[in-house]
């Protein structure tokens, strides 16, 4: 090749590169200025209850004296706070954040630029770690829009805006480092990995592309020894998140597809035995009784290679694909069985109504409530109380969690006693107890008759002077 031809060839390559390559941004200032009003800072508070030992020594674990002197432990409480980020998706103040940012929160405050608002939870999903909040205000807010996260490529520029360490309005930039990451954090994982600096307090904040579209919800980082950002952050992809968010807004809960199988990875050895060309798909370890899979004739040992037209390259892909499919939809599965490819059709069930979901559903811890007239705090009785104390399954009532020294019940009842009746009327809930006590005081009655189950599971009647 002549030197002249070489020059033209090099110029042609440079020209092709300049046409097709995305330029490096000179600045993110215009983008940040546009997006900042839509990114919010979230602060929450919750009451943490503990017990303190009034003795200057500690009984060793398992000591009979520990149980004997349990009544002398003094309940204490403190306020705990946490910080996070979020972003507005509707002009009426609908805000998206992580579930772990607002979990068990008693009060939620959202700061939008220089104004602070109270907020309430519309719906939350611990399985994808997402929550939808509503700002309690009639103000009109500036929303951002979701982009197509499936179009986001490794190497694309991204911008994160959030509230790291309480430093609101912090902007960082980086690139997409990887796609389809699973790190064992949530049940449904398909994270976008980024090297944009993300720290404590960035959780729930948006990850933007250069068009200003949200392509991810910043959720987690890898920080050895709690050292802060080392350039490995993870965001929930917008496409997966928006599907869950739409359900939470519409129903206040999720409606995920359910197949009813327990699966495991197809190893190279299993693929060799099954005469598969390569390790792929999801191996069915067991099938739930009366599940959609069971009704369709899917068996343990089957390898699911395709679900509703989507190839299942790895075991971890199947739960995400199934969960994002509409409940009640008729879907076709391609299955490898006895070294042959077969098809099965079934109608997808709903995960949240299945026994599988009920077994793994996180327990909702209801907060204590004060009965002002009696100067005590109580909580609803739960299944754990009934099981651990070997109570009748039909037992109803409220568990005493705190007794003020000014309470008329001081010295008569103890923390963890269960109030099951007042004036021989069964107590079904905290609201029921409040109403009964309110009417007793209103009528001017002088004596309260309580029926309790004490810590030794003994049923006792207590007459208490209240006037």
Protein backbone atom coordinates (compact mmCIF):
# COMPACT_ATOMS: atom_id res chain seq x y z
CA UNK A 1 0.00 0.00 0.00
CA UNK A 2 1.42 3.37 -1.03
CA UNK A 3 2.05 6.04 1.59
CA UNK A 4 -0.74 8.18 0.08
CA UNK A 5 -3.23 5.32 0.34
CA UNK A 6 -2.15 4.72 3.95
CA UNK A 7 -2.86 8.35 4.80
CA UNK A 8 -6.33 8.19 3.23
CA UNK A 9 -7.00 4.89 5.05
CA UNK A 10 -6.03 6.38 8.43
CA UNK A 11 -8.12 9.50 7.77
CA UNK A 12 -11.10 7.31 6.87
CA UNK A 13 -10.78 5.39 10.17
CA UNK A 14 -10.51 8.61 12.17
CA UNK A 15 -13.52 10.06 10.37
CA UNK A 16 -15.58 6.88 11.01
CA UNK A 17 -14.59 6.91 14.69
CA UNK A 18 -15.51 10.56 15.14
CA UNK A 19 -18.94 9.98 13.57
CA UNK A 20 -19.83 6.90 15.64
CA UNK A 21 -18.13 7.50 18.99
CA UNK A 22 -19.99 9.43 21.70
CA UNK A 23 -18.07 12.55 22.72
CA UNK A 24 -16.79 12.92 26.26
CA UNK A 25 -18.98 15.54 27.98
CA UNK A 26 -17.19 18.80 28.67
CA UNK A 27 -19.39 19.31 31.73
CA UNK A 28 -22.39 17.82 33.51
CA UNK A 29 -23.43 21.23 34.86
CA UNK A 30 -26.45 21.80 32.58
CA UNK A 31 -27.72 18.27 33.20
CA UNK A 32 -27.26 18.55 36.97
CA UNK A 33 -28.98 21.94 37.09
CA UNK A 34 -31.97 20.53 35.20
CA UNK A 35 -32.30 17.39 37.36
CA UNK A 36 -31.49 18.69 40.84
CA UNK A 37 -35.07 19.91 41.67
CA UNK A 38 -36.39 16.36 41.09
CA UNK A 39 -33.96 14.63 43.47
CA UNK A 40 -34.94 14.65 47.16
CA UNK A 41 -33.28 14.02 50.50
CA UNK A 42 -35.11 11.64 52.83
CA UNK A 43 -34.76 11.46 56.62
CA UNK A 44 -36.63 9.02 58.83
CA UNK A 45 -37.02 8.42 62.55
CA UNK A 46 -38.04 5.35 64.49
CA UNK A 47 -38.21 4.35 68.14
CA UNK A 48 -35.85 1.58 69.21
CA UNK A 49 -36.92 -0.15 72.42
CA UNK A 50 -34.39 -1.90 74.65
CA UNK A 51 -34.21 -3.08 78.25
CA UNK A 52 -31.52 -2.06 80.71
CA UNK A 53 -30.33 -4.02 83.70
CA UNK A 54 -30.62 -2.00 86.94
CA UNK A 55 -28.00 -4.13 88.66
CA UNK A 56 -24.27 -3.24 88.50
CA UNK A 57 -23.54 -6.77 87.21
CA UNK A 58 -24.71 -9.08 84.41
CA UNK A 59 -26.05 -12.60 84.93
CA UNK A 60 -24.31 -15.19 82.72
CA UNK A 61 -26.30 -16.63 79.78
CA UNK A 62 -28.65 -19.41 80.92
CA UNK A 63 -28.48 -18.41 84.58
CA UNK A 64 -31.76 -19.06 86.47
CA UNK A 65 -31.26 -15.72 88.22
CA UNK A 66 -31.56 -13.94 84.87
CA UNK A 67 -35.15 -15.15 84.51
CA UNK A 68 -35.88 -14.58 88.19
CA UNK A 69 -34.87 -10.92 88.08
CA UNK A 70 -36.27 -10.25 84.59
CA UNK A 71 -39.03 -8.06 86.04
CA UNK A 72 -36.40 -5.65 87.35
CA UNK A 73 -35.20 -4.83 83.85
CA UNK A 74 -36.20 -1.32 82.89
CA UNK A 75 -37.53 -0.74 79.35
CA UNK A 76 -35.88 2.20 77.63
CA UNK A 77 -36.30 3.73 74.24
CA UNK A 78 -34.33 5.99 71.94
CA UNK A 79 -34.94 7.70 68.65
CA UNK A 80 -32.91 6.40 65.71
CA UNK A 81 -32.64 8.29 62.44
CA UNK A 82 -31.45 7.42 58.96
CA UNK A 83 -30.79 9.28 55.75
CA UNK A 84 -31.41 8.39 52.14
CA UNK A 85 -32.26 9.75 48.72
CA UNK A 86 -35.16 9.58 46.31
CA UNK A 87 -36.59 11.14 43.18
CA UNK A 88 -39.95 12.57 42.08
CA UNK A 89 -41.79 10.81 39.22
CA UNK A 90 -45.13 12.68 39.31
CA UNK A 91 -45.86 16.36 39.78
CA UNK A 92 -48.22 15.60 42.69
CA UNK A 93 -45.26 14.45 44.80
CA UNK A 94 -44.89 10.71 44.18
CA UNK A 95 -41.35 9.81 45.26
CA UNK A 96 -39.33 6.64 44.64
CA UNK A 97 -36.69 5.33 47.06
CA UNK A 98 -35.36 2.06 48.49
CA UNK A 99 -37.46 0.06 50.93
CA UNK A 100 -34.54 -0.16 53.36
CA UNK A 101 -34.45 3.66 53.58
CA UNK A 102 -37.98 3.87 55.04
CA UNK A 103 -38.48 0.41 56.62
CA UNK A 104 -40.11 0.64 60.10
CA UNK A 105 -40.01 4.45 59.95
CA UNK A 106 -42.42 6.34 62.19
CA UNK A 107 -41.85 9.70 60.55
CA UNK A 108 -40.62 10.44 57.03
CA UNK A 109 -39.40 13.90 56.05
CA UNK A 110 -38.56 14.80 52.47
CA UNK A 111 -36.49 17.83 51.54
CA UNK A 112 -37.04 19.21 48.06
CA UNK A 113 -34.43 21.90 47.44
CA UNK A 114 -34.90 24.28 50.42
CA UNK A 115 -38.37 23.09 51.55
CA UNK A 116 -39.23 20.19 53.86
CA UNK A 117 -42.39 18.09 53.73
CA UNK A 118 -43.90 15.13 55.58
CA UNK A 119 -44.52 12.00 53.53
CA UNK A 120 -46.42 8.72 53.76
CA UNK A 121 -45.74 5.26 52.32
CA UNK A 122 -47.99 4.30 49.40
CA UNK A 123 -46.45 0.86 48.98
CA UNK A 124 -43.19 -1.00 49.54
CA UNK A 125 -41.54 -4.10 48.15
CA UNK A 126 -38.72 -5.63 50.26
CA UNK A 127 -38.03 -8.27 47.60
CA UNK A 128 -36.74 -5.70 45.09
CA UNK A 129 -35.98 -3.10 47.79
CA UNK A 130 -38.28 -0.39 46.41
CA UNK A 131 -40.76 1.97 48.05
CA UNK A 132 -43.24 4.55 46.78
CA UNK A 133 -43.88 7.64 48.94
CA UNK A 134 -46.36 10.51 48.65
CA UNK A 135 -45.42 14.01 49.78
CA UNK A 136 -48.18 15.49 51.94
CA UNK A 137 -48.57 18.74 50.06
CA UNK A 138 -50.62 20.33 47.30
CA UNK A 139 -47.49 21.89 45.80
CA UNK A 140 -46.62 21.04 42.21
CA UNK A 141 -43.26 19.29 41.84
CA UNK A 142 -40.88 18.72 38.95
CA UNK A 143 -40.75 15.02 37.98
CA UNK A 144 -38.18 13.01 36.06
CA UNK A 145 -38.91 10.16 33.66
CA UNK A 146 -37.67 6.59 33.40
CA UNK A 147 -35.53 5.65 30.43
CA UNK A 148 -35.14 2.25 28.76
CA UNK A 149 -32.51 0.55 30.91
CA UNK A 150 -32.27 -2.30 28.40
CA UNK A 151 -30.56 0.14 26.02
CA UNK A 152 -27.94 1.10 28.60
CA UNK A 153 -24.58 -0.35 27.58
CA UNK A 154 -21.38 -1.08 29.45
CA UNK A 155 -19.20 2.00 29.04
CA UNK A 156 -22.10 4.51 28.81
CA UNK A 157 -21.77 7.69 30.87
CA UNK A 158 -24.05 7.94 33.93
CA UNK A 159 -24.70 10.56 36.60
CA UNK A 160 -25.79 9.91 40.21
CA UNK A 161 -27.41 12.58 42.37
CA UNK A 162 -28.16 12.02 46.05
CA UNK A 163 -27.67 12.70 49.72
CA UNK A 164 -24.42 10.93 50.76
CA UNK A 165 -23.62 11.33 54.47
CA UNK A 166 -26.40 13.95 54.63
CA UNK A 167 -24.68 16.17 52.06
CA UNK A 168 -27.71 16.82 49.87
CA UNK A 169 -27.51 17.64 46.20
CA UNK A 170 -24.26 15.77 45.59
CA UNK A 171 -23.54 14.99 41.92
CA UNK A 172 -21.12 12.26 40.81
CA UNK A 173 -20.41 10.79 37.40
CA UNK A 174 -18.98 7.59 35.97
CA UNK A 175 -19.76 4.85 33.51
CA UNK A 176 -21.75 1.64 33.51
CA UNK A 177 -19.17 -0.95 34.56
CA UNK A 178 -21.26 -4.11 34.08
CA UNK A 179 -24.80 -5.40 33.62
CA UNK A 180 -26.86 -8.26 35.08
CA UNK A 181 -25.03 -8.40 38.41
CA UNK A 182 -26.27 -10.62 41.25
CA UNK A 183 -24.78 -9.92 44.68
CA UNK A 184 -27.14 -11.84 47.00
CA UNK A 185 -28.81 -8.73 48.40
CA UNK A 186 -32.43 -9.13 47.28
CA UNK A 187 -34.65 -11.87 45.92
CA UNK A 188 -34.86 -10.42 42.42
CA UNK A 189 -31.50 -9.11 41.22
CA UNK A 190 -30.32 -7.83 37.86
CA UNK A 191 -28.20 -4.88 38.98
CA UNK A 192 -26.46 -2.28 36.86
CA UNK A 193 -22.91 -1.86 38.19
CA UNK A 194 -21.40 1.62 38.04
CA UNK A 195 -18.21 3.36 39.12
CA UNK A 196 -20.03 6.66 39.77
CA UNK A 197 -19.27 7.44 43.41
CA UNK A 198 -22.10 6.17 45.64
CA UNK A 199 -21.94 6.31 49.43
CA UNK A 200 -24.12 5.90 52.51
CA UNK A 201 -27.14 8.15 52.00
CA UNK A 202 -27.20 7.68 48.21
CA UNK A 203 -29.59 4.74 48.62
CA UNK A 204 -32.83 5.30 46.72
CA UNK A 205 -31.37 8.04 44.55
CA UNK A 206 -31.48 8.05 40.74
CA UNK A 207 -28.86 6.96 38.25
CA UNK A 208 -29.30 9.09 35.11
CA UNK A 209 -28.17 8.70 31.53
CA UNK A 210 -27.00 11.75 29.59
CA UNK A 211 -30.55 12.40 28.36
CA UNK A 212 -31.60 13.01 31.97
CA UNK A 213 -33.63 9.80 32.12
CA UNK A 214 -33.58 7.53 35.19
CA UNK A 215 -32.05 4.21 34.17
CA UNK A 216 -31.51 2.87 37.70
CA UNK A 217 -32.25 3.25 41.41
CA UNK A 218 -28.99 3.35 43.41
CA UNK A 219 -29.22 0.63 46.04
CA UNK A 220 -25.92 -0.82 47.25
CA UNK A 221 -22.15 -0.54 47.21
CA UNK A 222 -19.23 -2.80 47.97
CA UNK A 223 -17.24 -1.07 50.69
CA UNK A 224 -14.65 -3.29 52.42
CA UNK A 225 -14.37 -2.36 56.07
CA UNK A 226 -17.02 0.36 55.64
CA UNK A 227 -14.41 2.44 53.83
CA UNK A 228 -16.92 4.22 51.62
CA UNK A 229 -17.10 4.19 47.85
CA UNK A 230 -14.39 2.28 46.00
CA UNK A 231 -16.12 2.61 42.65
CA UNK A 232 -18.36 -0.46 42.82
CA UNK A 233 -21.99 0.58 43.13
CA UNK A 234 -25.21 -1.15 42.12
CA UNK A 235 -28.53 0.17 40.81
CA UNK A 236 -31.87 -1.55 40.17
CA UNK A 237 -32.56 -1.24 36.41
CA UNK A 238 -35.35 1.18 35.54
CA UNK A 239 -37.34 -1.33 33.48
CA UNK A 240 -37.59 -3.81 36.36
CA UNK A 241 -38.18 -1.05 38.91
CA UNK A 242 -40.92 0.74 36.96
CA UNK A 243 -42.96 -2.47 36.67
CA UNK A 244 -42.96 -2.89 40.46
CA UNK A 245 -43.55 0.84 41.03
CA UNK A 246 -46.62 0.85 38.77
CA UNK A 247 -48.11 -2.00 40.82
CA UNK A 248 -47.35 -0.31 44.14
CA UNK A 249 -49.01 2.91 42.97
CA UNK A 250 -52.06 1.10 41.57
CA UNK A 251 -52.57 -1.62 44.19
CA UNK A 252 -50.36 -0.67 47.15
CA UNK A 253 -48.73 -4.09 46.76
CA UNK A 254 -47.04 -6.27 44.14
CA UNK A 255 -48.68 -8.85 41.88
CA UNK A 256 -45.88 -11.11 40.67
CA UNK A 257 -46.16 -14.11 38.43
CA UNK A 258 -45.72 -17.52 40.11
CA UNK A 259 -44.63 -20.79 38.57
CA UNK A 260 -44.29 -22.93 41.69
CA UNK A 261 -40.91 -24.61 41.24
CA UNK A 262 -37.70 -24.70 43.22
CA UNK A 263 -34.71 -24.49 40.92
CA UNK A 264 -30.95 -24.87 40.89
CA UNK A 265 -28.09 -24.11 38.54
CA UNK A 266 -27.27 -26.39 35.62
CA UNK A 267 -23.62 -27.26 36.14
CA UNK A 268 -21.24 -28.44 33.42
CA UNK A 269 -21.48 -31.97 34.79
CA UNK A 270 -25.31 -31.93 34.70
CA UNK A 271 -25.25 -30.53 31.16
CA UNK A 272 -22.90 -33.35 30.09
CA UNK A 273 -25.16 -36.04 31.56
CA UNK A 274 -28.29 -34.46 30.05
CA UNK A 275 -26.55 -34.10 26.65
CA UNK A 276 -26.99 -30.34 26.56
CA UNK A 277 -24.52 -28.46 24.35
CA UNK A 278 -23.63 -26.10 27.20
CA UNK A 279 -24.71 -25.37 30.81
CA UNK A 280 -27.90 -23.32 30.48
CA UNK A 281 -31.44 -23.08 31.79
CA UNK A 282 -32.87 -23.73 35.25
CA UNK A 283 -32.98 -27.24 36.70
CA UNK A 284 -36.25 -28.00 38.49
CA UNK A 285 -35.36 -29.44 41.90
CA UNK A 286 -38.96 -29.78 43.11
CA UNK A 287 -42.49 -28.77 42.12
CA UNK A 288 -45.01 -27.27 44.54
CA UNK A 289 -48.21 -29.25 44.99
CA UNK A 290 -51.16 -27.77 43.06
CA UNK A 291 -48.92 -25.02 41.66
CA UNK A 292 -49.23 -23.88 38.02
CA UNK A 293 -46.14 -25.97 37.20
CA UNK A 294 -47.64 -29.04 38.89
CA UNK A 295 -50.93 -28.67 37.00
CA UNK A 296 -49.03 -28.35 33.71
CA UNK A 297 -47.09 -31.56 34.32
CA UNK A 298 -43.66 -30.10 34.93
CA UNK A 299 -41.50 -32.56 36.87
CA UNK A 300 -38.41 -32.54 39.07
CA UNK A 301 -35.38 -33.03 36.82
CA UNK A 302 -36.80 -30.93 33.97
CA UNK A 303 -34.56 -28.13 32.68
CA UNK A 304 -36.43 -24.96 31.73
CA UNK A 305 -34.68 -23.45 28.70
CA UNK A 306 -37.27 -20.90 27.64
CA UNK A 307 -40.15 -19.09 29.35
CA UNK A 308 -42.77 -17.13 27.40
CA UNK A 309 -40.42 -16.67 24.46
CA UNK A 310 -37.46 -15.56 26.63
CA UNK A 311 -34.34 -17.72 26.71
CA UNK A 312 -33.23 -18.77 30.19
CA UNK A 313 -29.46 -18.64 29.87
CA UNK A 314 -28.85 -19.00 33.61
CA UNK A 315 -30.84 -20.23 36.58
CA UNK A 316 -30.94 -16.73 38.12
CA UNK A 317 -32.79 -15.28 35.13
CA UNK A 318 -35.93 -17.41 35.57
CA UNK A 319 -37.24 -15.86 38.84
CA UNK A 320 -36.90 -12.34 37.39
CA UNK A 321 -38.67 -13.25 34.14
CA UNK A 322 -41.49 -15.10 35.90
CA UNK A 323 -42.03 -12.36 38.49
CA UNK A 324 -42.30 -9.66 35.82
CA UNK A 325 -44.89 -11.61 33.79
CA UNK A 326 -48.57 -10.73 34.18
CA UNK A 327 -50.55 -12.90 36.60
CA UNK A 328 -53.08 -15.09 34.78
CA UNK A 329 -51.20 -15.03 31.47
CA UNK A 330 -51.01 -18.23 29.44
CA UNK A 331 -47.31 -18.91 28.80
CA UNK A 332 -45.34 -21.55 26.94
CA UNK A 333 -42.27 -23.22 28.44
CA UNK A 334 -39.57 -25.03 26.47
CA UNK A 335 -38.23 -27.86 28.62
CA UNK A 336 -35.36 -30.31 28.25
CA UNK A 337 -36.55 -33.73 29.47
CA UNK A 338 -34.97 -37.12 28.83
CA UNK A 339 -32.55 -35.50 26.38
CA UNK A 340 -35.43 -34.10 24.29
CA UNK A 341 -36.97 -30.64 23.92
CA UNK A 342 -40.68 -30.54 24.81
CA UNK A 343 -43.21 -27.72 25.31
CA UNK A 344 -45.63 -27.12 28.17
CA UNK A 345 -48.30 -24.43 28.43
CA UNK A 346 -49.67 -23.13 31.72
CA UNK A 347 -51.55 -20.24 33.28
CA UNK A 348 -49.33 -18.24 35.60
CA UNK A 349 -50.41 -17.87 39.26
CA UNK A 350 -49.78 -15.03 41.69
CA UNK A 351 -46.82 -15.34 44.03
CA UNK A 352 -48.32 -13.26 46.84
CA UNK A 353 -51.26 -15.67 47.27
CA UNK A 354 -49.13 -18.82 47.24
CA UNK A 355 -48.10 -20.87 50.27
CA UNK A 356 -44.49 -20.43 49.16
CA UNK A 357 -44.79 -16.66 49.58
CA UNK A 358 -46.62 -16.88 52.92
CA UNK A 359 -43.77 -19.01 54.31
CA UNK A 360 -41.10 -16.47 53.36
CA UNK A 361 -43.03 -13.21 53.75
CA UNK A 362 -41.23 -10.79 56.08
CA UNK A 363 -43.02 -10.20 59.34
CA UNK A 364 -44.51 -6.75 59.69
CA UNK A 365 -43.64 -5.42 63.11
CA UNK A 366 -46.38 -3.14 64.40
CA UNK A 367 -45.21 -0.36 66.65
CA UNK A 368 -46.27 0.03 70.26
CA UNK A 369 -49.15 2.33 71.11
CA UNK A 370 -49.76 4.19 74.34
CA UNK A 371 -53.02 3.88 76.29
CA UNK A 372 -52.89 7.37 77.78
CA UNK A 373 -55.61 6.91 80.42
CA UNK A 374 -53.87 3.80 81.82
CA UNK A 375 -50.31 5.12 81.35
CA UNK A 376 -49.19 1.91 79.62
CA UNK A 377 -47.91 0.97 76.17
CA UNK A 378 -49.11 -2.14 74.34
CA UNK A 379 -48.69 -3.96 71.04
CA UNK A 380 -50.82 -6.42 69.10
CA UNK A 381 -50.38 -10.10 69.95
CA UNK A 382 -48.76 -12.03 67.10
CA UNK A 383 -48.18 -15.62 65.96
CA UNK A 384 -44.73 -15.69 67.53
CA UNK A 385 -46.24 -14.90 70.95
CA UNK A 386 -48.77 -17.69 70.56
CA UNK A 387 -46.18 -20.22 69.41
CA UNK A 388 -43.37 -19.35 71.85
CA UNK A 389 -45.73 -19.22 74.85
CA UNK A 390 -47.72 -22.27 73.73
CA UNK A 391 -51.03 -20.39 73.88
CA UNK A 392 -54.34 -21.38 72.38
CA UNK A 393 -54.31 -20.42 68.69
CA UNK A 394 -57.54 -18.47 69.16
CA UNK A 395 -56.04 -16.24 71.87
CA UNK A 396 -56.62 -12.54 71.27
CA UNK A 397 -55.45 -9.52 73.23
CA UNK A 398 -52.62 -7.02 73.54
CA UNK A 399 -49.13 -7.44 75.01
CA UNK A 400 -47.98 -4.91 77.62
CA UNK A 401 -44.63 -3.37 76.59
CA UNK A 402 -44.24 -0.51 79.07
CA UNK A 403 -45.79 0.60 82.39
CA UNK A 404 -45.38 4.13 83.70
CA UNK A 405 -44.75 4.64 87.42
CA UNK A 406 -47.86 6.86 87.36
CA UNK A 407 -50.01 4.05 85.96
CA UNK A 408 -52.87 2.69 88.13
CA UNK A 409 -51.65 -0.75 86.98
CA UNK A 410 -48.12 -0.23 88.35
CA UNK A 411 -47.19 -3.21 90.57
CA UNK A 412 -50.24 -5.21 89.42
CA UNK A 413 -49.17 -6.20 85.93
CA UNK A 414 -45.78 -6.71 84.27
CA UNK A 415 -44.23 -6.13 80.89
CA UNK A 416 -45.16 -9.04 78.53
CA UNK A 417 -48.44 -9.74 80.34
CA UNK A 418 -51.28 -10.14 77.85
CA UNK A 419 -54.54 -8.28 78.46
CA UNK A 420 -57.27 -10.49 77.02
CA UNK A 421 -60.41 -8.97 78.63
CA UNK A 422 -61.59 -5.72 80.18
CA UNK A 423 -64.86 -5.81 82.16
CA UNK A 424 -65.15 -9.40 80.79
CA UNK A 425 -65.25 -8.08 77.20
CA UNK A 426 -62.72 -9.77 74.90
CA UNK A 427 -59.95 -7.56 73.53
CA UNK A 428 -59.39 -8.13 69.81
CA UNK A 429 -57.10 -5.20 69.06
CA UNK A 430 -55.45 -2.07 70.48
CA UNK A 431 -58.30 0.01 69.06
CA UNK A 432 -60.78 -2.22 70.89
CA UNK A 433 -58.93 -1.76 74.19
CA UNK A 434 -58.85 2.01 73.73
CA UNK A 435 -62.59 2.19 73.06
CA UNK A 436 -63.55 0.05 76.05
CA UNK A 437 -61.29 1.98 78.44
CA UNK A 438 -62.51 5.30 77.05
CA UNK A 439 -66.16 4.35 77.70
CA UNK A 440 -65.33 3.16 81.24
CA UNK A 441 -63.72 6.49 82.13
CA UNK A 442 -66.53 8.38 80.39
CA UNK A 443 -69.15 6.62 82.50
CA UNK A 444 -67.21 7.47 85.65
CA UNK A 445 -66.82 3.85 86.73
CA UNK A 446 -64.42 3.46 89.64
CA UNK A 447 -63.07 -0.04 89.06
CA UNK A 448 -61.46 -1.75 86.10
CA UNK A 449 -61.67 -5.55 85.86
CA UNK A 450 -58.83 -6.95 83.79
CA UNK A 451 -58.29 -10.51 82.67
CA UNK A 452 -54.66 -11.17 81.85
CA UNK A 453 -52.31 -14.00 80.94
CA UNK A 454 -49.16 -13.42 82.95
CA UNK A 455 -45.60 -14.37 82.02
CA UNK A 456 -46.12 -17.84 83.49
CA UNK A 457 -49.10 -18.27 81.13
CA UNK A 458 -51.52 -18.21 84.06
CA UNK A 459 -54.91 -16.63 83.59
CA UNK A 460 -55.60 -14.02 86.31
CA UNK A 461 -58.32 -11.49 87.14
CA UNK A 462 -57.31 -8.08 88.49
CA UNK A 463 -59.55 -5.46 90.05
CA UNK A 464 -58.03 -1.98 89.64
CA UNK A 465 -59.19 1.27 91.24
CA UNK A 466 -59.12 4.03 88.63
CA UNK A 467 -61.10 6.85 90.32
